[in-house]
């Protein structure tokens, strides 16, 4: 009996040490510069139809998108920017729409309708924010951001690296750093200090009941967003 208790104690101590933000322990945030606005991302979130759909959750969702943007730039290899000059705009657009159909469509299985929202809005724009190839990459980011394992099906290593940076970043924010892929605790702390959580995770937790109040089966539709 002593051995299992000792092992559990060691695991708990390790888990707490690895997740200081989750347990509200302050860490050094020196050297982590946080982006608090991003033109491509904000241009899409501030479209009247998108902003209206988000309603009182606008700031919660925007802060989530921007935290993920900051985390993604941490995970992104330098080669991505060298080989894909508009990578940050692609990322910003993708993140603006990555969960948006929860609000715009009331869809718990929201990946496809989120891509459709992005394509619809950008196709109506008078000036092309992204060319077709870049829009396709943004669509992949949306479709794969809940994938558990590494994405490797892109046309080249640069696309794969961008998609995986966004994927890891969303997992890091969604799990409050528990699944952090080695992201520094100081970066998480700095991001949440400058882009407050504002109850975003509680909103997500209640979304099933909110969108499908009378059907447990309907609420379980959210599981379809996850991919191995």
C-alpha atoms as a PDB file:
ATOM      1  CA  UNK A   1       0.000   0.000   0.000  1.00  0.00           C
ATOM      2  CA  UNK A   2       2.876   2.376   0.734  1.00  0.00           C
ATOM      3  CA  UNK A   3       4.315   2.054  -2.780  1.00  0.00           C
ATOM      4  CA  UNK A   4       1.100   3.088  -4.628  1.00  0.00           C
ATOM      5  CA  UNK A   5       0.630   6.044  -2.268  1.00  0.00           C
ATOM      6  CA  UNK A   6       4.229   7.097  -2.801  1.00  0.00           C
ATOM      7  CA  UNK A   7       3.856   6.849  -6.576  1.00  0.00           C
ATOM      8  CA  UNK A   8       0.645   8.877  -6.490  1.00  0.00           C
ATOM      9  CA  UNK A   9       2.324  11.510  -4.326  1.00  0.00           C
ATOM     10  CA  UNK A  10       5.260  11.752  -6.708  1.00  0.00           C
ATOM     11  CA  UNK A  11       2.911  12.104  -9.675  1.00  0.00           C
ATOM     12  CA  UNK A  12       0.844  14.804  -7.957  1.00  0.00           C
ATOM     13  CA  UNK A  13       3.987  16.726  -7.008  1.00  0.00           C
ATOM     14  CA  UNK A  14       5.289  16.472 -10.556  1.00  0.00           C
ATOM     15  CA  UNK A  15       1.937  17.521 -12.054  1.00  0.00           C
ATOM     16  CA  UNK A  16       1.723  20.576  -9.807  1.00  0.00           C
ATOM     17  CA  UNK A  17       5.316  21.551 -10.622  1.00  0.00           C
ATOM     18  CA  UNK A  18       4.655  21.255 -14.353  1.00  0.00           C
ATOM     19  CA  UNK A  19       1.454  23.312 -14.306  1.00  0.00           C
ATOM     20  CA  UNK A  20       2.050  26.438 -12.221  1.00  0.00           C
ATOM     21  CA  UNK A  21      -0.580  28.487 -14.075  1.00  0.00           C
ATOM     22  CA  UNK A  22      -3.266  25.903 -13.407  1.00  0.00           C
ATOM     23  CA  UNK A  23      -2.478  26.060  -9.696  1.00  0.00           C
ATOM     24  CA  UNK A  24      -2.161  29.865  -9.680  1.00  0.00           C
ATOM     25  CA  UNK A  25       1.531  29.963  -8.854  1.00  0.00           C
ATOM     26  CA  UNK A  26       3.222  33.061 -10.222  1.00  0.00           C
ATOM     27  CA  UNK A  27       6.153  32.506 -12.563  1.00  0.00           C
ATOM     28  CA  UNK A  28       8.607  34.851 -14.256  1.00  0.00           C
ATOM     29  CA  UNK A  29       7.146  36.367 -17.430  1.00  0.00           C
ATOM     30  CA  UNK A  30      10.264  38.335 -18.400  1.00  0.00           C
ATOM     31  CA  UNK A  31      11.076  38.149 -22.081  1.00  0.00           C
ATOM     32  CA  UNK A  32       7.639  37.124 -23.297  1.00  0.00           C
ATOM     33  CA  UNK A  33       6.120  39.822 -25.491  1.00  0.00           C
ATOM     34  CA  UNK A  34       2.419  39.263 -26.065  1.00  0.00           C
ATOM     35  CA  UNK A  35       0.598  40.314 -29.229  1.00  0.00           C
ATOM     36  CA  UNK A  36      -2.716  41.868 -28.142  1.00  0.00           C
ATOM     37  CA  UNK A  37      -4.034  42.704 -31.584  1.00  0.00           C
ATOM     38  CA  UNK A  38      -3.550  41.179 -35.009  1.00  0.00           C
ATOM     39  CA  UNK A  39      -4.880  42.907 -38.090  1.00  0.00           C
ATOM     40  CA  UNK A  40      -6.058  39.896 -40.091  1.00  0.00           C
ATOM     41  CA  UNK A  41      -7.670  38.269 -37.059  1.00  0.00           C
ATOM     42  CA  UNK A  42      -9.358  41.441 -35.858  1.00  0.00           C
ATOM     43  CA  UNK A  43     -10.598  42.364 -39.325  1.00  0.00           C
ATOM     44  CA  UNK A  44     -12.635  39.153 -39.404  1.00  0.00           C
ATOM     45  CA  UNK A  45     -13.897  39.189 -35.823  1.00  0.00           C
ATOM     46  CA  UNK A  46     -15.106  42.766 -36.291  1.00  0.00           C
ATOM     47  CA  UNK A  47     -17.218  41.944 -39.330  1.00  0.00           C
ATOM     48  CA  UNK A  48     -20.759  42.954 -38.259  1.00  0.00           C
ATOM     49  CA  UNK A  49     -22.296  39.496 -38.690  1.00  0.00           C
ATOM     50  CA  UNK A  50     -19.469  37.770 -36.780  1.00  0.00           C
ATOM     51  CA  UNK A  51     -19.349  40.301 -33.970  1.00  0.00           C
ATOM     52  CA  UNK A  52     -23.136  40.209 -33.617  1.00  0.00           C
ATOM     53  CA  UNK A  53     -23.166  36.390 -33.447  1.00  0.00           C
ATOM     54  CA  UNK A  54     -20.476  36.360 -30.750  1.00  0.00           C
ATOM     55  CA  UNK A  55     -22.456  38.888 -28.725  1.00  0.00           C
ATOM     56  CA  UNK A  56     -21.415  39.071 -25.080  1.00  0.00           C
ATOM     57  CA  UNK A  57     -18.784  36.388 -25.705  1.00  0.00           C
ATOM     58  CA  UNK A  58     -16.853  38.593 -28.161  1.00  0.00           C
ATOM     59  CA  UNK A  59     -14.001  39.564 -25.818  1.00  0.00           C
ATOM     60  CA  UNK A  60     -13.783  36.044 -24.377  1.00  0.00           C
ATOM     61  CA  UNK A  61     -13.447  34.511 -27.836  1.00  0.00           C
ATOM     62  CA  UNK A  62     -11.109  37.211 -29.155  1.00  0.00           C
ATOM     63  CA  UNK A  63      -8.758  36.777 -26.197  1.00  0.00           C
ATOM     64  CA  UNK A  64      -8.764  33.011 -26.735  1.00  0.00           C
ATOM     65  CA  UNK A  65      -7.914  33.512 -30.423  1.00  0.00           C
ATOM     66  CA  UNK A  66      -5.088  35.901 -29.586  1.00  0.00           C
ATOM     67  CA  UNK A  67      -3.671  33.654 -26.865  1.00  0.00           C
ATOM     68  CA  UNK A  68      -3.612  30.810 -29.379  1.00  0.00           C
ATOM     69  CA  UNK A  69      -1.955  33.139 -31.906  1.00  0.00           C
ATOM     70  CA  UNK A  70       0.812  33.940 -29.411  1.00  0.00           C
ATOM     71  CA  UNK A  71       1.322  30.305 -28.508  1.00  0.00           C
ATOM     72  CA  UNK A  72       1.362  29.299 -32.184  1.00  0.00           C
ATOM     73  CA  UNK A  73       4.134  31.778 -32.973  1.00  0.00           C
ATOM     74  CA  UNK A  74       6.151  30.157 -30.174  1.00  0.00           C
ATOM     75  CA  UNK A  75       5.710  26.713 -31.754  1.00  0.00           C
ATOM     76  CA  UNK A  76       6.228  27.941 -35.316  1.00  0.00           C
ATOM     77  CA  UNK A  77       9.694  27.224 -36.796  1.00  0.00           C
ATOM     78  CA  UNK A  78      11.482  30.206 -38.339  1.00  0.00           C
ATOM     79  CA  UNK A  79      11.377  28.400 -41.664  1.00  0.00           C
ATOM     80  CA  UNK A  80       7.605  28.911 -41.883  1.00  0.00           C
ATOM     81  CA  UNK A  81       7.916  32.700 -42.112  1.00  0.00           C
ATOM     82  CA  UNK A  82      10.858  32.380 -44.485  1.00  0.00           C
ATOM     83  CA  UNK A  83       8.975  30.117 -46.883  1.00  0.00           C
ATOM     84  CA  UNK A  84       5.452  31.466 -46.332  1.00  0.00           C
ATOM     85  CA  UNK A  85       5.596  35.274 -45.982  1.00  0.00           C
ATOM     86  CA  UNK A  86       1.886  35.616 -45.190  1.00  0.00           C
ATOM     87  CA  UNK A  87       1.876  32.882 -42.568  1.00  0.00           C
ATOM     88  CA  UNK A  88       0.770  35.193 -39.744  1.00  0.00           C
ATOM     89  CA  UNK A  89      -2.185  36.473 -41.768  1.00  0.00           C
ATOM     90  CA  UNK A  90      -3.176  32.910 -42.660  1.00  0.00           C
ATOM     91  CA  UNK A  91      -2.935  32.009 -38.982  1.00  0.00           C
ATOM     92  CA  UNK A  92      -4.870  35.101 -37.885  1.00  0.00           C
ATOM     93  CA  UNK A  93      -7.733  34.452 -40.297  1.00  0.00           C
ATOM     94  CA  UNK A  94      -7.904  30.760 -39.386  1.00  0.00           C
ATOM     95  CA  UNK A  95      -8.014  31.500 -35.668  1.00  0.00           C
ATOM     96  CA  UNK A  96     -10.715  34.129 -36.082  1.00  0.00           C
ATOM     97  CA  UNK A  97     -12.969  31.422 -37.500  1.00  0.00           C
ATOM     98  CA  UNK A  98     -11.655  28.260 -35.837  1.00  0.00           C
ATOM     99  CA  UNK A  99     -14.510  27.904 -33.310  1.00  0.00           C
ATOM    100  CA  UNK A 100     -16.860  30.554 -34.656  1.00  0.00           C
ATOM    101  CA  UNK A 101     -19.670  28.273 -35.847  1.00  0.00           C
ATOM    102  CA  UNK A 102     -20.499  27.529 -32.221  1.00  0.00           C
ATOM    103  CA  UNK A 103     -21.967  31.031 -32.275  1.00  0.00           C
ATOM    104  CA  UNK A 104     -22.787  31.753 -35.918  1.00  0.00           C
ATOM    105  CA  UNK A 105     -24.390  28.360 -36.664  1.00  0.00           C
ATOM    106  CA  UNK A 106     -25.148  27.023 -33.199  1.00  0.00           C
ATOM    107  CA  UNK A 107     -23.232  23.900 -34.253  1.00  0.00           C
ATOM    108  CA  UNK A 108     -21.479  21.661 -31.743  1.00  0.00           C
ATOM    109  CA  UNK A 109     -19.861  19.741 -34.602  1.00  0.00           C
ATOM    110  CA  UNK A 110     -18.464  23.033 -35.782  1.00  0.00           C
ATOM    111  CA  UNK A 111     -15.379  22.427 -37.922  1.00  0.00           C
ATOM    112  CA  UNK A 112     -17.027  22.289 -41.360  1.00  0.00           C
ATOM    113  CA  UNK A 113     -19.402  25.206 -40.733  1.00  0.00           C
ATOM    114  CA  UNK A 114     -16.532  27.287 -39.337  1.00  0.00           C
ATOM    115  CA  UNK A 115     -14.587  26.745 -42.566  1.00  0.00           C
ATOM    116  CA  UNK A 116     -17.719  27.641 -44.519  1.00  0.00           C
ATOM    117  CA  UNK A 117     -18.119  30.855 -42.525  1.00  0.00           C
ATOM    118  CA  UNK A 118     -14.532  31.802 -43.360  1.00  0.00           C
ATOM    119  CA  UNK A 119     -14.886  31.031 -47.049  1.00  0.00           C
ATOM    120  CA  UNK A 120     -18.199  32.849 -47.271  1.00  0.00           C
ATOM    121  CA  UNK A 121     -16.933  36.036 -45.649  1.00  0.00           C
ATOM    122  CA  UNK A 122     -13.644  36.160 -47.525  1.00  0.00           C
ATOM    123  CA  UNK A 123     -15.257  35.444 -50.887  1.00  0.00           C
ATOM    124  CA  UNK A 124     -17.503  38.471 -50.370  1.00  0.00           C
ATOM    125  CA  UNK A 125     -14.623  40.796 -49.511  1.00  0.00           C
ATOM    126  CA  UNK A 126     -13.821  43.506 -52.033  1.00  0.00           C
ATOM    127  CA  UNK A 127     -10.082  42.986 -51.565  1.00  0.00           C
ATOM    128  CA  UNK A 128      -8.626  39.510 -51.185  1.00  0.00           C
ATOM    129  CA  UNK A 129      -7.058  39.107 -47.751  1.00  0.00           C
ATOM    130  CA  UNK A 130      -5.814  35.643 -48.703  1.00  0.00           C
ATOM    131  CA  UNK A 131      -5.324  34.027 -52.088  1.00  0.00           C
ATOM    132  CA  UNK A 132      -6.990  30.664 -52.768  1.00  0.00           C
ATOM    133  CA  UNK A 133      -3.972  28.588 -51.753  1.00  0.00           C
ATOM    134  CA  UNK A 134      -3.635  30.501 -48.471  1.00  0.00           C
ATOM    135  CA  UNK A 135      -7.358  30.167 -47.789  1.00  0.00           C
ATOM    136  CA  UNK A 136      -7.036  26.407 -48.240  1.00  0.00           C
ATOM    137  CA  UNK A 137      -4.251  26.330 -45.635  1.00  0.00           C
ATOM    138  CA  UNK A 138      -6.397  28.352 -43.220  1.00  0.00           C
ATOM    139  CA  UNK A 139      -9.148  25.779 -43.761  1.00  0.00           C
ATOM    140  CA  UNK A 140      -6.766  22.963 -42.855  1.00  0.00           C
ATOM    141  CA  UNK A 141      -5.786  24.782 -39.654  1.00  0.00           C
ATOM    142  CA  UNK A 142      -9.454  24.954 -38.668  1.00  0.00           C
ATOM    143  CA  UNK A 143     -10.164  21.336 -39.579  1.00  0.00           C
ATOM    144  CA  UNK A 144      -7.127  19.958 -37.743  1.00  0.00           C
ATOM    145  CA  UNK A 145      -6.874  22.144 -34.640  1.00  0.00           C
ATOM    146  CA  UNK A 146      -8.379  19.446 -32.396  1.00  0.00           C
ATOM    147  CA  UNK A 147      -6.187  16.668 -33.789  1.00  0.00           C
ATOM    148  CA  UNK A 148      -4.347  14.831 -31.022  1.00  0.00           C
ATOM    149  CA  UNK A 149      -1.382  13.590 -33.008  1.00  0.00           C
ATOM    150  CA  UNK A 150       0.866  15.481 -35.401  1.00  0.00           C
ATOM    151  CA  UNK A 151      -0.580  16.574 -38.738  1.00  0.00           C
ATOM    152  CA  UNK A 152       1.483  15.351 -41.692  1.00  0.00           C
ATOM    153  CA  UNK A 153      -0.890  15.330 -44.671  1.00  0.00           C
ATOM    154  CA  UNK A 154      -0.105  18.788 -46.055  1.00  0.00           C
ATOM    155  CA  UNK A 155       1.421  19.471 -49.445  1.00  0.00           C
ATOM    156  CA  UNK A 156       4.777  20.266 -47.837  1.00  0.00           C
ATOM    157  CA  UNK A 157       6.629  20.470 -44.541  1.00  0.00           C
ATOM    158  CA  UNK A 158       5.973  24.217 -44.201  1.00  0.00           C
ATOM    159  CA  UNK A 159       2.200  23.765 -44.290  1.00  0.00           C
ATOM    160  CA  UNK A 160       2.460  20.897 -41.817  1.00  0.00           C
ATOM    161  CA  UNK A 161       4.565  23.011 -39.455  1.00  0.00           C
ATOM    162  CA  UNK A 162       2.058  25.890 -39.507  1.00  0.00           C
ATOM    163  CA  UNK A 163      -0.906  23.583 -38.943  1.00  0.00           C
ATOM    164  CA  UNK A 164       0.860  21.826 -36.079  1.00  0.00           C
ATOM    165  CA  UNK A 165       1.868  25.114 -34.466  1.00  0.00           C
ATOM    166  CA  UNK A 166      -1.795  26.166 -34.392  1.00  0.00           C
ATOM    167  CA  UNK A 167      -2.881  22.701 -33.250  1.00  0.00           C
ATOM    168  CA  UNK A 168      -0.471  22.639 -30.308  1.00  0.00           C
ATOM    169  CA  UNK A 169      -1.323  26.228 -29.412  1.00  0.00           C
ATOM    170  CA  UNK A 170      -5.051  25.549 -29.233  1.00  0.00           C
ATOM    171  CA  UNK A 171      -4.521  22.473 -27.079  1.00  0.00           C
ATOM    172  CA  UNK A 172      -2.297  24.542 -24.776  1.00  0.00           C
ATOM    173  CA  UNK A 173      -4.961  27.196 -24.294  1.00  0.00           C
ATOM    174  CA  UNK A 174      -7.918  24.797 -24.227  1.00  0.00           C
ATOM    175  CA  UNK A 175      -6.277  22.777 -21.426  1.00  0.00           C
ATOM    176  CA  UNK A 176      -4.813  25.775 -19.567  1.00  0.00           C
ATOM    177  CA  UNK A 177      -1.347  24.451 -20.280  1.00  0.00           C
ATOM    178  CA  UNK A 178      -1.903  20.892 -19.050  1.00  0.00           C
ATOM    179  CA  UNK A 179      -1.355  19.654 -22.598  1.00  0.00           C
ATOM    180  CA  UNK A 180       1.255  22.267 -23.361  1.00  0.00           C
ATOM    181  CA  UNK A 181       3.758  20.494 -25.599  1.00  0.00           C
ATOM    182  CA  UNK A 182       6.585  22.077 -23.605  1.00  0.00           C
ATOM    183  CA  UNK A 183       5.341  25.664 -23.801  1.00  0.00           C
ATOM    184  CA  UNK A 184       6.987  27.818 -21.099  1.00  0.00           C
ATOM    185  CA  UNK A 185       4.825  28.537 -18.072  1.00  0.00           C
ATOM    186  CA  UNK A 186       5.966  32.161 -18.274  1.00  0.00           C
ATOM    187  CA  UNK A 187       4.456  32.517 -21.745  1.00  0.00           C
ATOM    188  CA  UNK A 188       1.122  31.119 -20.573  1.00  0.00           C
ATOM    189  CA  UNK A 189       1.165  33.431 -17.550  1.00  0.00           C
ATOM    190  CA  UNK A 190       2.016  36.485 -19.671  1.00  0.00           C
ATOM    191  CA  UNK A 191      -0.689  35.690 -22.216  1.00  0.00           C
ATOM    192  CA  UNK A 192      -3.397  35.298 -19.585  1.00  0.00           C
ATOM    193  CA  UNK A 193      -2.311  38.473 -17.817  1.00  0.00           C
ATOM    194  CA  UNK A 194      -2.619  40.555 -20.982  1.00  0.00           C
ATOM    195  CA  UNK A 195      -5.465  38.608 -22.612  1.00  0.00           C
ATOM    196  CA  UNK A 196      -7.680  37.602 -19.666  1.00  0.00           C
ATOM    197  CA  UNK A 197      -9.659  34.384 -19.762  1.00  0.00           C
ATOM    198  CA  UNK A 198     -12.950  36.156 -18.822  1.00  0.00           C
ATOM    199  CA  UNK A 199     -14.755  32.863 -18.252  1.00  0.00           C
ATOM    200  CA  UNK A 200     -14.137  31.486 -21.756  1.00  0.00           C
ATOM    201  CA  UNK A 201     -13.621  27.918 -20.573  1.00  0.00           C
ATOM    202  CA  UNK A 202     -16.856  27.982 -18.569  1.00  0.00           C
ATOM    203  CA  UNK A 203     -18.693  29.195 -21.669  1.00  0.00           C
ATOM    204  CA  UNK A 204     -17.244  26.255 -23.615  1.00  0.00           C
ATOM    205  CA  UNK A 205     -18.187  23.817 -20.871  1.00  0.00           C
ATOM    206  CA  UNK A 206     -21.788  25.021 -20.972  1.00  0.00           C
ATOM    207  CA  UNK A 207     -22.063  25.200 -24.752  1.00  0.00           C
ATOM    208  CA  UNK A 208     -23.488  21.705 -25.149  1.00  0.00           C
ATOM    209  CA  UNK A 209     -26.380  22.421 -22.814  1.00  0.00           C
ATOM    210  CA  UNK A 210     -26.822  25.850 -24.368  1.00  0.00           C
ATOM    211  CA  UNK A 211     -27.034  24.602 -27.956  1.00  0.00           C
ATOM    212  CA  UNK A 212     -28.745  21.266 -27.342  1.00  0.00           C
ATOM    213  CA  UNK A 213     -30.680  21.685 -24.077  1.00  0.00           C
ATOM    214  CA  UNK A 214     -33.035  18.739 -24.560  1.00  0.00           C
ATOM    215  CA  UNK A 215     -30.774  16.099 -26.080  1.00  0.00           C
ATOM    216  CA  UNK A 216     -27.753  14.388 -24.577  1.00  0.00           C
ATOM    217  CA  UNK A 217     -27.108  12.769 -27.952  1.00  0.00           C
ATOM    218  CA  UNK A 218     -27.100  16.227 -29.502  1.00  0.00           C
ATOM    219  CA  UNK A 219     -24.618  17.447 -26.903  1.00  0.00           C
ATOM    220  CA  UNK A 220     -22.289  14.568 -27.721  1.00  0.00           C
ATOM    221  CA  UNK A 221     -21.994  15.866 -31.289  1.00  0.00           C
ATOM    222  CA  UNK A 222     -19.098  17.983 -30.022  1.00  0.00           C
ATOM    223  CA  UNK A 223     -16.982  14.822 -29.794  1.00  0.00           C
ATOM    224  CA  UNK A 224     -16.872  14.715 -33.600  1.00  0.00           C
ATOM    225  CA  UNK A 225     -14.462  17.652 -33.646  1.00  0.00           C
ATOM    226  CA  UNK A 226     -11.665  15.531 -32.152  1.00  0.00           C
ATOM    227  CA  UNK A 227      -9.335  13.535 -34.382  1.00  0.00           C
ATOM    228  CA  UNK A 228      -6.597  11.129 -33.505  1.00  0.00           C
END
